Protein backbone atom coordinates (compact mmCIF):
# COMPACT_ATOMS: atom_id res chain seq x y z
CA MET A 1 42.30 41.21 -89.83
CA GLN A 2 44.84 38.51 -90.62
CA PHE A 3 42.90 35.74 -88.83
CA ILE A 4 39.41 36.51 -90.13
CA ARG A 5 39.25 33.96 -92.97
CA GLU A 6 40.32 30.96 -90.90
CA SER A 7 38.09 32.07 -88.00
CA LEU A 8 35.08 32.07 -90.31
CA ILE A 9 36.04 28.71 -91.85
CA LYS A 10 36.30 27.30 -88.33
CA LEU A 11 32.82 28.64 -87.53
CA ILE A 12 31.37 27.05 -90.68
CA THR A 13 33.12 23.73 -90.01
CA GLU A 14 31.99 23.53 -86.39
CA THR A 15 28.42 24.48 -87.28
CA SER A 16 28.24 21.82 -90.00
CA THR A 17 29.85 19.01 -88.03
CA ASN A 18 29.29 19.49 -84.29
CA LEU A 19 25.85 20.03 -82.77
CA PRO A 20 25.75 22.56 -79.88
CA PRO A 21 25.26 21.26 -76.32
CA ASP A 22 21.64 22.39 -75.97
CA VAL A 23 20.63 20.39 -79.06
CA ARG A 24 22.63 17.36 -77.91
CA GLN A 25 20.87 17.56 -74.55
CA ALA A 26 17.46 17.73 -76.24
CA MET A 27 18.27 14.71 -78.42
CA ALA A 28 19.50 12.76 -75.40
CA TRP A 29 16.16 13.54 -73.74
CA ALA A 30 14.29 12.34 -76.84
CA LEU A 31 16.30 9.12 -76.87
CA ALA A 32 15.46 8.48 -73.21
CA GLN A 33 11.71 9.02 -73.82
CA GLU A 34 11.19 6.52 -76.63
CA THR A 35 10.20 2.92 -76.02
CA PRO A 36 13.17 0.63 -76.76
CA GLN A 37 13.06 -1.57 -79.87
CA THR A 38 10.46 0.61 -81.61
CA GLN A 39 11.05 2.12 -85.04
CA SER A 40 11.49 5.61 -83.56
CA SER A 41 13.96 4.29 -80.98
CA LEU A 42 15.92 2.55 -83.73
CA ALA A 43 16.03 5.78 -85.73
CA LEU A 44 17.13 7.82 -82.70
CA ASN A 45 19.98 5.38 -82.04
CA VAL A 46 21.18 5.85 -85.62
CA ILE A 47 20.88 9.64 -85.25
CA ALA A 48 22.87 9.58 -82.00
CA ALA A 49 25.63 7.53 -83.62
CA ASN A 50 25.65 9.88 -86.60
CA ILE A 51 26.03 12.94 -84.35
CA ASP A 52 29.07 11.33 -82.70
CA MET A 53 30.57 10.27 -86.04
CA ALA A 54 30.22 13.76 -87.50
CA GLN A 55 32.00 15.37 -84.55
CA GLU A 56 34.77 12.78 -84.50
CA ASP A 57 35.47 12.94 -88.26
CA GLU A 58 34.64 16.65 -88.80
CA GLY A 59 32.17 15.55 -91.47
CA PRO A 60 28.81 17.20 -92.20
CA ILE A 61 26.11 15.97 -89.80
CA CYS A 62 23.64 16.08 -92.70
CA GLN A 63 24.60 16.16 -96.37
CA ASP A 64 22.16 19.04 -96.93
CA THR A 65 24.09 21.90 -95.37
CA GLY A 66 21.35 24.29 -96.43
CA MET A 67 21.69 27.92 -97.42
CA PRO A 68 24.35 29.40 -95.10
CA THR A 69 22.73 32.29 -93.25
CA PHE A 70 24.96 34.69 -91.31
CA LEU A 71 23.73 37.24 -88.78
CA VAL A 72 26.50 39.74 -88.11
CA LYS A 73 26.82 42.58 -85.59
CA THR A 74 29.67 45.04 -86.10
CA PRO A 75 30.99 48.08 -84.22
CA VAL A 76 30.14 51.56 -85.51
CA ALA A 77 32.37 52.52 -88.48
CA PHE A 78 33.48 48.90 -89.04
CA ASN A 79 34.00 48.07 -92.76
CA GLN A 80 31.16 45.67 -93.53
CA ILE A 81 32.12 45.50 -97.22
CA VAL A 82 35.41 43.79 -96.39
CA LEU A 83 33.71 41.40 -93.96
CA ARG A 84 31.08 40.47 -96.54
CA GLU A 85 33.78 39.39 -98.99
CA GLU A 86 35.61 37.44 -96.27
CA LEU A 87 32.37 35.61 -95.47
CA ARG A 88 31.88 34.76 -99.13
CA GLN A 89 35.40 33.44 -99.53
CA ALA A 90 35.17 31.44 -96.30
CA VAL A 91 31.99 29.79 -97.63
CA ALA A 92 33.71 28.94 -100.91
CA GLU A 93 36.72 27.44 -99.10
CA ALA A 94 34.56 25.45 -96.68
CA THR A 95 32.70 24.06 -99.71
CA LYS A 96 36.00 23.08 -101.32
CA ARG A 97 36.99 21.27 -98.11
CA GLY A 98 33.74 19.29 -98.06
CA LYS A 99 32.25 20.97 -94.98
CA LEU A 100 29.41 22.42 -97.06
CA ARG A 101 27.61 20.83 -100.01
CA PRO A 102 27.46 23.02 -103.13
CA ASN A 103 23.84 24.16 -102.84
CA SER A 104 23.68 27.44 -104.78
CA VAL A 105 21.63 26.88 -107.95
CA ASP A 106 20.74 29.47 -110.59
CA SER A 107 16.95 29.66 -110.50
CA ILE A 108 16.72 30.42 -114.24
CA THR A 109 19.33 28.12 -115.80
CA GLY A 110 19.39 25.42 -113.10
CA LYS A 111 23.21 25.52 -113.07
CA ASN A 112 24.95 24.85 -109.75
CA SER A 113 27.70 27.40 -109.02
CA GLY A 114 29.77 24.68 -107.36
CA ASN A 115 31.04 26.94 -104.56
CA ASN A 116 27.86 28.14 -102.78
CA LEU A 117 28.32 31.64 -104.17
CA GLY A 118 25.77 33.44 -106.33
CA PRO A 119 23.02 36.05 -106.18
CA GLY A 120 21.52 35.72 -102.71
CA THR A 121 23.95 33.06 -101.43
CA PRO A 122 25.21 33.05 -98.83
CA VAL A 123 22.58 35.04 -96.93
CA ILE A 124 24.21 37.79 -94.85
CA HIS A 125 22.39 40.15 -92.47
CA PHE A 126 24.34 43.06 -90.95
CA GLU A 127 23.48 45.09 -87.87
CA GLN A 128 25.50 47.68 -85.94
CA TRP A 129 25.94 47.58 -82.19
CA GLU A 130 27.79 49.72 -79.65
CA LYS A 131 30.36 47.09 -78.73
CA ASP A 132 33.98 46.70 -79.78
CA ASP A 133 33.82 43.10 -81.04
CA VAL A 134 32.25 41.52 -84.13
CA GLU A 135 29.57 38.89 -83.51
CA VAL A 136 28.89 36.33 -86.24
CA ARG A 137 26.12 33.74 -85.89
CA LEU A 138 25.52 31.06 -88.50
CA VAL A 139 22.43 28.96 -89.21
CA LEU A 140 22.60 25.96 -91.56
CA LYS A 141 19.02 24.91 -92.28
CA GLY A 142 18.49 22.23 -94.90
CA GLY A 143 15.95 22.27 -97.71
CA GLY A 144 13.82 19.44 -96.31
CA CYS A 145 12.90 21.37 -93.16
CA GLU A 146 12.87 24.69 -95.03
CA ASN A 147 10.13 23.26 -97.23
CA LYS A 148 8.02 22.59 -94.13
CA ASN A 149 8.02 26.26 -93.07
CA ILE A 150 4.46 27.51 -93.14
CA GLN A 151 2.59 30.79 -92.70
CA TYR A 152 -1.05 31.15 -91.64
CA SER A 153 -3.34 34.14 -92.21
CA VAL A 154 -5.95 33.98 -89.47
CA PRO A 155 -8.83 33.54 -89.16
CA CYS A 156 -8.50 30.30 -91.12
CA MET A 157 -9.77 26.72 -91.14
CA LEU A 158 -7.31 24.00 -90.21
CA ASP A 159 -7.45 20.23 -90.79
CA HIS A 160 -8.50 18.43 -87.58
CA LEU A 161 -8.64 21.69 -85.59
CA GLY A 162 -11.41 23.74 -87.17
CA ARG A 163 -11.30 27.54 -87.07
CA ALA A 164 -8.27 29.42 -85.77
CA ASP A 165 -9.20 32.91 -84.59
CA ARG A 166 -7.16 36.06 -83.97
CA ASN A 167 -6.15 35.25 -80.41
CA LEU A 168 -3.61 33.08 -78.57
CA GLU A 169 -5.87 30.03 -78.88
CA GLY A 170 -5.89 30.53 -82.65
CA VAL A 171 -2.10 30.91 -82.60
CA ARG A 172 -1.82 27.69 -80.61
CA LYS A 173 -3.90 25.82 -83.20
CA CYS A 174 -1.71 27.13 -86.04
CA ILE A 175 1.50 26.02 -84.33
CA LEU A 176 0.18 22.54 -83.59
CA HIS A 177 -0.99 22.24 -87.18
CA ALA A 178 2.48 23.29 -88.36
CA VAL A 179 4.06 20.44 -86.40
CA TRP A 180 1.49 17.95 -87.66
CA GLN A 181 1.84 18.89 -91.34
CA ALA A 182 5.62 18.45 -91.20
CA GLN A 183 5.28 14.73 -90.26
CA GLY A 184 8.56 12.93 -91.04
CA GLN A 185 9.39 15.08 -94.04
CA GLY A 186 11.06 17.70 -91.86
CA CYS A 187 13.26 15.07 -90.13
CA SER A 188 11.45 15.02 -86.82
CA PRO A 189 11.90 15.46 -83.93
CA GLY A 190 12.23 19.09 -84.92
CA ALA A 191 12.30 22.55 -83.40
CA ILE A 192 10.19 25.51 -84.42
CA GLY A 193 10.59 29.26 -84.35
CA VAL A 194 7.33 31.22 -84.45
CA CYS A 195 6.45 34.85 -85.04
CA VAL A 196 2.97 36.15 -84.27
CA GLY A 197 2.16 39.28 -86.30
CA GLY A 198 4.34 41.41 -88.54
CA ASP A 199 3.87 41.32 -92.30
CA ARG A 200 4.50 38.31 -94.52
CA THR A 201 8.22 39.09 -94.87
CA SER A 202 9.07 40.19 -91.32
CA GLY A 203 7.00 37.35 -89.88
CA TYR A 204 9.11 34.69 -91.56
CA GLU A 205 12.34 36.55 -90.78
CA HIS A 206 11.61 36.83 -87.06
CA ALA A 207 10.34 33.26 -86.88
CA LYS A 208 13.73 32.11 -88.17
CA LEU A 209 15.52 34.43 -85.73
CA GLN A 210 13.81 32.58 -82.87
CA LEU A 211 15.90 29.54 -83.85
CA LEU A 212 18.92 31.44 -82.50
CA ARG A 213 17.58 31.10 -78.97
CA PRO A 214 19.02 28.27 -76.81
CA LEU A 215 16.56 25.42 -76.48
CA ASP A 216 16.72 25.57 -72.68
CA ASP A 217 16.01 29.29 -72.25
CA VAL A 218 12.76 30.79 -70.93
CA ASN A 219 10.76 33.40 -72.85
CA PRO A 220 10.73 36.72 -70.92
CA ASP A 221 7.08 37.20 -71.93
CA THR A 222 5.09 35.10 -69.44
CA GLN A 223 2.18 34.48 -71.84
CA LEU A 224 4.50 33.31 -74.60
CA ALA A 225 6.55 31.24 -72.15
CA ARG A 226 3.37 29.44 -71.10
CA LEU A 227 2.35 28.92 -74.73
CA GLU A 228 5.78 27.51 -75.61
CA GLN A 229 5.46 24.92 -72.85
CA GLU A 230 1.90 24.03 -73.86
CA ILE A 231 3.00 23.47 -77.45
CA MET A 232 5.87 21.24 -76.31
CA ASP A 233 3.53 19.14 -74.17
CA GLU A 234 0.75 18.88 -76.74
CA ALA A 235 2.92 18.38 -79.85
CA ASN A 236 4.55 15.40 -78.17
CA GLN A 237 1.13 13.81 -77.70
CA LEU A 238 0.53 13.64 -81.46
CA GLY A 239 2.43 10.38 -81.98
CA ILE A 240 4.40 11.51 -85.05
CA GLY A 241 7.73 10.45 -83.60
CA THR A 242 11.20 10.32 -85.11
CA MET A 243 11.17 10.40 -88.92
CA GLY A 244 7.36 10.17 -88.75
CA PHE A 245 7.60 6.52 -87.69
CA GLY A 246 5.23 7.06 -84.76
CA GLY A 247 6.51 7.67 -81.24
CA LYS A 248 6.57 9.82 -78.14
CA VAL A 249 8.79 12.74 -79.25
CA SER A 250 7.94 14.93 -82.23
CA LEU A 251 9.30 18.29 -81.03
CA ILE A 252 12.48 19.23 -79.13
CA GLY A 253 11.97 23.00 -79.05
CA CYS A 254 9.39 25.77 -79.50
CA LYS A 255 10.38 29.46 -79.44
CA ILE A 256 7.81 32.23 -80.01
CA THR A 257 7.99 36.00 -80.48
CA ALA A 258 5.44 38.67 -81.45
CA LEU A 259 5.51 41.76 -83.66
CA ASN A 260 2.92 44.50 -84.11
CA ARG A 261 0.75 44.07 -87.20
CA LEU A 262 -1.62 45.90 -89.50
CA PRO A 263 -5.30 45.88 -88.48
CA ALA A 264 -6.17 43.96 -91.65
CA SER A 265 -3.50 41.26 -91.23
CA PHE A 266 -2.81 38.59 -88.65
CA PHE A 267 -0.03 36.20 -89.66
CA VAL A 268 1.38 33.28 -87.73
CA SER A 269 4.74 32.36 -89.30
CA VAL A 270 6.50 29.11 -88.44
CA ALA A 271 10.12 28.24 -89.25
CA TYR A 272 10.57 24.48 -88.89
CA ASP A 273 14.04 23.07 -88.23
CA CYS A 274 15.05 19.41 -88.15
CA TRP A 275 16.83 17.48 -85.40
CA ALA A 276 20.11 18.42 -87.14
CA PHE A 277 19.66 21.87 -85.59
CA ARG A 278 22.90 23.53 -86.72
CA ARG A 279 23.60 26.99 -85.39
CA LEU A 280 26.65 28.44 -83.69
CA GLY A 281 28.31 31.80 -83.22
CA VAL A 282 31.58 33.51 -82.38
CA LEU A 283 32.81 36.82 -81.04
CA LEU A 284 35.72 38.08 -83.14
CA ASP A 285 38.38 40.64 -82.32
CA ALA A 286 37.54 43.54 -84.61
CA SER A 287 41.21 44.26 -85.33
CA SER A 288 42.66 40.80 -85.89
CA GLY A 289 39.59 38.68 -86.71
CA ALA A 290 40.67 36.08 -84.13
CA ILE A 291 38.02 34.16 -82.22
CA LYS A 292 37.63 35.54 -78.69
CA GLN A 293 34.62 33.51 -77.60
CA TRP A 294 32.31 30.78 -78.87
CA LEU A 295 28.56 31.23 -78.50
CA TYR A 296 26.30 28.31 -77.48
CA ARG A 297 29.27 26.21 -76.37
CA ASP A 298 32.35 26.17 -74.17
CA PRO A 299 35.27 24.99 -76.34
CA ASP A 300 37.14 23.76 -73.25
CA ARG A 301 34.33 21.42 -72.26
CA PRO A 302 34.77 17.92 -73.75
CA VAL A 303 32.01 16.78 -76.11
CA GLU A 304 30.19 13.86 -74.53
CA ARG A 305 29.22 10.91 -76.71
CA LEU A 306 25.50 10.74 -77.36
CA ALA A 307 25.10 7.19 -78.68
CA ARG A 308 24.45 4.39 -76.21
CA GLU A 309 25.30 1.75 -78.81
CA SER A 310 27.07 1.58 -82.16
CA GLY A 311 24.00 3.03 -83.86
CA PHE A 312 22.11 0.02 -85.17
CA PRO A 313 22.37 -3.18 -83.14
CA LEU A 314 21.79 -6.18 -85.38
CA THR A 315 19.10 -8.60 -84.25
CA GLY A 316 19.50 -11.29 -86.89
CA ARG A 317 16.01 -10.55 -88.22
CA GLU A 318 17.24 -8.07 -90.83
CA ILE A 319 16.60 -8.97 -94.46
CA VAL A 320 19.56 -8.71 -96.81
CA LEU A 321 18.89 -7.20 -100.24
CA GLU A 322 21.42 -7.63 -103.05
CA PRO A 323 20.60 -5.65 -106.21
CA PRO A 324 19.45 -6.32 -108.85
CA LEU A 325 16.28 -7.32 -107.00
CA THR A 326 13.63 -9.72 -108.28
CA GLU A 327 9.92 -9.05 -108.13
CA ASP A 328 9.39 -12.08 -105.91
CA LYS A 329 11.96 -10.86 -103.41
CA VAL A 330 10.40 -7.42 -103.26
CA ARG A 331 6.83 -8.71 -102.91
CA SER A 332 7.94 -10.80 -99.93
CA LEU A 333 8.73 -7.59 -98.00
CA THR A 334 6.18 -5.89 -95.77
CA VAL A 335 5.95 -2.60 -93.88
CA GLY A 336 8.13 -2.76 -90.76
CA ASP A 337 10.85 -4.99 -92.21
CA VAL A 338 14.40 -3.81 -91.61
CA VAL A 339 16.69 -4.35 -94.60
CA LEU A 340 20.43 -4.29 -95.17
CA ILE A 341 21.52 -3.50 -98.72
CA ASN A 342 24.71 -5.00 -100.16
CA GLY A 343 25.86 -4.18 -103.67
CA LEU A 344 25.46 -1.46 -106.28
CA ILE A 345 22.86 1.29 -105.86
CA TYR A 346 22.24 4.54 -107.74
CA THR A 347 21.35 7.99 -106.46
CA GLY A 348 18.79 10.14 -108.19
CA ARG A 349 16.80 13.15 -107.01
CA ASP A 350 14.93 16.09 -108.55
CA GLU A 351 16.91 16.84 -111.71
CA ALA A 352 17.74 13.19 -112.37
CA HIS A 353 14.05 12.24 -112.17
CA ALA A 354 13.10 15.01 -114.59
CA TYR A 355 15.90 13.85 -116.91
CA LEU A 356 14.77 10.21 -116.82
CA LEU A 357 11.28 11.14 -118.02
CA LYS A 358 12.66 12.86 -121.11
CA ASN A 359 15.73 10.75 -121.90
CA SER A 360 16.95 7.19 -121.63
CA SER A 361 18.73 6.23 -118.43
CA PRO A 362 22.54 6.39 -118.41
CA VAL A 363 22.54 3.23 -116.24
CA ASN A 364 20.55 0.00 -116.16
CA LEU A 365 17.86 0.47 -113.51
CA GLN A 366 16.20 -2.93 -113.94
CA GLY A 367 15.92 -4.37 -110.42
CA ALA A 368 17.80 -1.39 -109.03
CA VAL A 369 17.68 0.50 -105.74
CA LEU A 370 17.24 4.20 -106.54
CA TYR A 371 18.41 6.36 -103.61
CA HIS A 372 16.99 9.87 -103.17
CA CYS A 373 20.28 11.36 -102.07
CA GLY A 374 22.41 14.39 -102.93
CA PRO A 375 25.78 13.55 -101.35
CA VAL A 376 28.78 15.66 -100.45
CA ALA A 377 31.39 14.29 -102.85
CA LEU A 378 35.10 15.20 -102.97
CA LYS A 379 37.32 14.56 -106.00
CA GLN A 380 40.58 12.86 -105.00
CA GLY A 381 42.75 12.49 -108.08
CA ASP A 382 40.84 10.29 -110.51
CA THR A 383 38.47 8.96 -107.86
CA TRP A 384 35.66 10.32 -105.72
CA LYS A 385 35.04 10.08 -101.98
CA ILE A 386 31.55 10.44 -100.53
CA ASN A 387 31.84 12.64 -97.44
CA ALA A 388 28.14 12.64 -96.46
CA ALA A 389 25.22 10.67 -97.89
CA GLY A 390 21.91 10.84 -96.03
CA PRO A 391 18.50 10.74 -97.76
CA THR A 392 16.59 13.69 -99.14
CA THR A 393 12.83 14.26 -98.84
CA SER A 394 11.15 11.87 -101.26
CA ILE A 395 7.78 13.56 -101.72
CA ARG A 396 9.33 16.00 -104.21
CA GLU A 397 9.68 13.08 -106.62
CA GLU A 398 6.00 12.11 -106.38
CA PRO A 399 5.15 13.59 -109.83
CA TYR A 400 7.81 11.35 -111.45
CA GLN A 401 8.27 8.25 -109.34
CA GLY A 402 5.45 5.97 -110.46
CA GLU A 403 6.27 6.37 -114.16
CA ILE A 404 10.00 5.84 -113.57
CA ILE A 405 9.34 2.64 -111.60
CA GLY A 406 7.18 1.30 -114.44
CA ARG A 407 9.41 2.45 -117.29
CA TYR A 408 12.78 1.29 -115.92
CA GLY A 409 11.92 -1.62 -113.64
CA VAL A 410 13.17 -0.01 -110.43
CA ARG A 411 12.44 -2.39 -107.53
CA ALA A 412 13.26 -0.20 -104.52
CA VAL A 413 13.11 3.53 -103.95
CA MET A 414 14.92 4.84 -100.89
CA GLY A 415 14.64 8.27 -99.27
CA LYS A 416 12.95 9.84 -96.27
CA GLY A 417 9.46 11.00 -95.33
CA GLY A 418 7.52 8.65 -97.57
CA MET A 419 5.62 9.24 -100.80
CA GLY A 420 2.03 9.65 -101.97
CA LYS A 421 -0.79 7.66 -103.54
CA LYS A 422 0.58 7.63 -107.11
CA THR A 423 3.82 6.04 -105.98
CA LEU A 424 2.01 3.60 -103.67
CA GLU A 425 -0.13 2.46 -106.60
CA ALA A 426 2.99 1.98 -108.75
CA LEU A 427 4.70 -0.04 -106.01
CA LYS A 428 1.71 -2.38 -105.94
CA LYS A 429 1.27 -2.58 -109.72
CA TYR A 430 4.90 -3.21 -110.67
CA GLY A 431 6.24 -4.91 -107.54
CA ALA A 432 8.47 -2.40 -105.76
CA VAL A 433 8.98 -1.00 -102.25
CA TYR A 434 9.80 2.29 -100.58
CA LEU A 435 12.67 2.15 -98.11
CA ASN A 436 12.96 4.87 -95.47
CA ALA A 437 16.53 5.74 -94.55
CA ILE A 438 17.16 7.89 -91.46
CA GLY A 439 17.05 11.56 -92.43
CA GLY A 440 20.13 13.60 -91.63
CA ALA A 441 22.30 10.55 -90.82
CA ALA A 442 24.84 11.56 -93.45
CA GLN A 443 27.95 10.15 -91.76
CA TYR A 444 26.24 6.91 -90.80
CA TYR A 445 25.29 6.24 -94.41
CA ALA A 446 28.59 7.49 -95.83
CA ARG A 447 30.35 4.78 -93.84
CA ALA A 448 28.19 2.15 -95.56
CA ILE A 449 29.59 3.22 -98.95
CA THR A 450 32.63 1.11 -99.79
CA ARG A 451 33.40 2.55 -103.22
CA VAL A 452 32.23 5.04 -105.84
CA GLU A 453 31.90 3.02 -109.06
CA GLY A 454 31.15 6.04 -111.22
CA VAL A 455 28.92 9.03 -111.75
CA SER A 456 26.43 9.99 -114.46
CA LEU A 457 24.83 13.37 -115.24
CA LEU A 458 27.53 15.28 -113.34
CA GLU A 459 26.63 18.28 -115.47
CA LEU A 460 23.54 18.62 -113.27
CA GLY A 461 25.79 19.39 -110.28
CA VAL A 462 27.14 17.20 -107.49
CA PRO A 463 23.87 16.90 -105.51
CA GLU A 464 21.75 16.15 -108.59
CA ALA A 465 24.09 13.74 -110.38
CA MET A 466 23.47 9.98 -110.46
CA TRP A 467 26.19 8.40 -108.31
CA HIS A 468 26.97 4.68 -108.67
CA LEU A 469 27.73 3.46 -105.15
CA GLN A 470 28.87 0.12 -103.79
CA VAL A 471 27.38 -0.29 -100.32
CA LYS A 472 27.71 -2.77 -97.47
CA ASP A 473 25.01 -3.24 -94.80
CA LEU A 474 23.21 -0.02 -95.70
CA MET A 475 20.20 -0.01 -93.36
CA ALA A 476 16.64 1.14 -94.10
CA LEU A 477 13.06 0.35 -93.07
CA VAL A 478 10.29 -0.77 -95.40
CA THR A 479 7.59 1.87 -94.91
CA MET A 480 5.60 1.38 -98.15
CA ASP A 481 5.27 -2.10 -99.62
CA ALA A 482 4.01 -3.81 -102.77
CA HIS A 483 0.75 -4.76 -101.05
CA GLY A 484 -0.60 -1.19 -100.78
CA ASN A 485 0.46 -0.57 -97.18
CA SER A 486 2.02 2.75 -96.07
CA LEU A 487 3.34 3.51 -92.58
CA HIS A 488 3.35 7.21 -93.51
CA ALA A 489 -0.35 7.29 -94.35
CA LYS A 490 -1.10 5.36 -91.15
CA VAL A 491 0.88 7.73 -88.90
CA GLU A 492 -0.59 10.80 -90.63
CA GLU A 493 -4.12 9.51 -90.03
CA GLU A 494 -3.50 8.51 -86.42
CA SER A 495 -1.65 11.74 -85.58
CA GLY A 496 -4.51 13.68 -87.17
CA GLU A 497 -6.94 11.95 -84.80
CA ALA A 498 -4.62 12.81 -81.89
CA LEU A 499 -4.53 16.42 -83.08
CA GLU A 500 -8.33 16.55 -82.94
CA LEU A 501 -8.26 15.27 -79.36
CA VAL A 502 -5.62 17.82 -78.31
CA GLY A 503 -7.66 20.60 -79.92
CA ALA A 504 -10.88 19.43 -78.31
CA ARG A 505 -9.33 19.26 -74.83
CA ALA A 506 -8.10 22.85 -75.03
CA SER A 507 -11.44 24.13 -76.31
CA SER A 508 -13.50 22.46 -73.57
């Protein structure tokens, strides 16, 4: 199998950097649906540009390349032990090349392995089949959307929808609730895989397996096919929109399956995936390991550009921010403002926030922009290059953020999906704002980084370190301001009211 390693590296690279045609088509549809010049339309234009950039540069579409999950089918008597090791080494090499971010963290010590290898990573599922070739499918699903997976045990009571019973109407309510609760934190517009029944473990597994289906297929079960279409129609009436900014498209795909269950249990399991819906597959020659066929795409078909424009057309109304920021400058900003950041910013996410509560900061954060970002960074001699740099989900920092703003004088926090009441109160008290970058747009934001000035806390691992970045025209939207306003709270409330209306229409 002399070609197996490079074939697997090629699969990983293509999955990380080049969205399959069905997802591109769905995103083009979403772009066409949104009203021009709205916040969701702006975000979709950035996403479209990012998709093109990633394919052109072979850079990760999103900096969070997730937990690589392989689903492998092999002929009878094929040596799966050898293939498992080849998969592991291909993952390590792809990480070294900057196609995957090092995401494998020891759950006890907190240490990052640095190569995506460790107990449980990568995830590899084997199955035998009575064919001569080896099939390998790969799913890269980031942590932000993985955190929005949800499982319901029905009957249950749901916000805005009331009781969900053990029937298809109850299933429908659970799925709509799953889309609503994700809001912008799962990088909407998203796609969902759903499993009705099974046990807690098999339900989640088969929900995730539904994400392997092409977005444009039709469920062979007529009842489930009808339910999938209903969910698509109704979810896109909720007004969540791209990044949770409000808008016409919240969902680009819904795929549902069903398993038998125990009499005492009725689970509805939902696997939420973001717009950066990365999954591909290959058929390999079992003797040589060479790629015989790509799944989900025709490699001879040219990849069409998705972006209509360069990504973010300047209007002249953008507000330029140059750190360190003053309180007066920050208090002049309001929700809806579009800002361009020029100068030095710092990254900091989960481990850095925990560190800052217990220790002094390694950098001066007075007036700073603190970016919730875990980049893909490559060492080049004595310098570093940022290969991907989109925002991470900010709500994870809610337990820390208010105190860090007050203690260190941070004036702007940037991430995706918004934050909660404690942070909103701190923004108002101390004079700071929350800036929403476009989730998943890792290449778009990497191009705004002109230089890596340095790095602190590298012992925490590349994603968790505090990177010192010089940026030029780094774009974000003010979605929480120093006057107590929050776009995220507004959209959540309004989409909750829409959810009630959708539920009431179906019940009547």
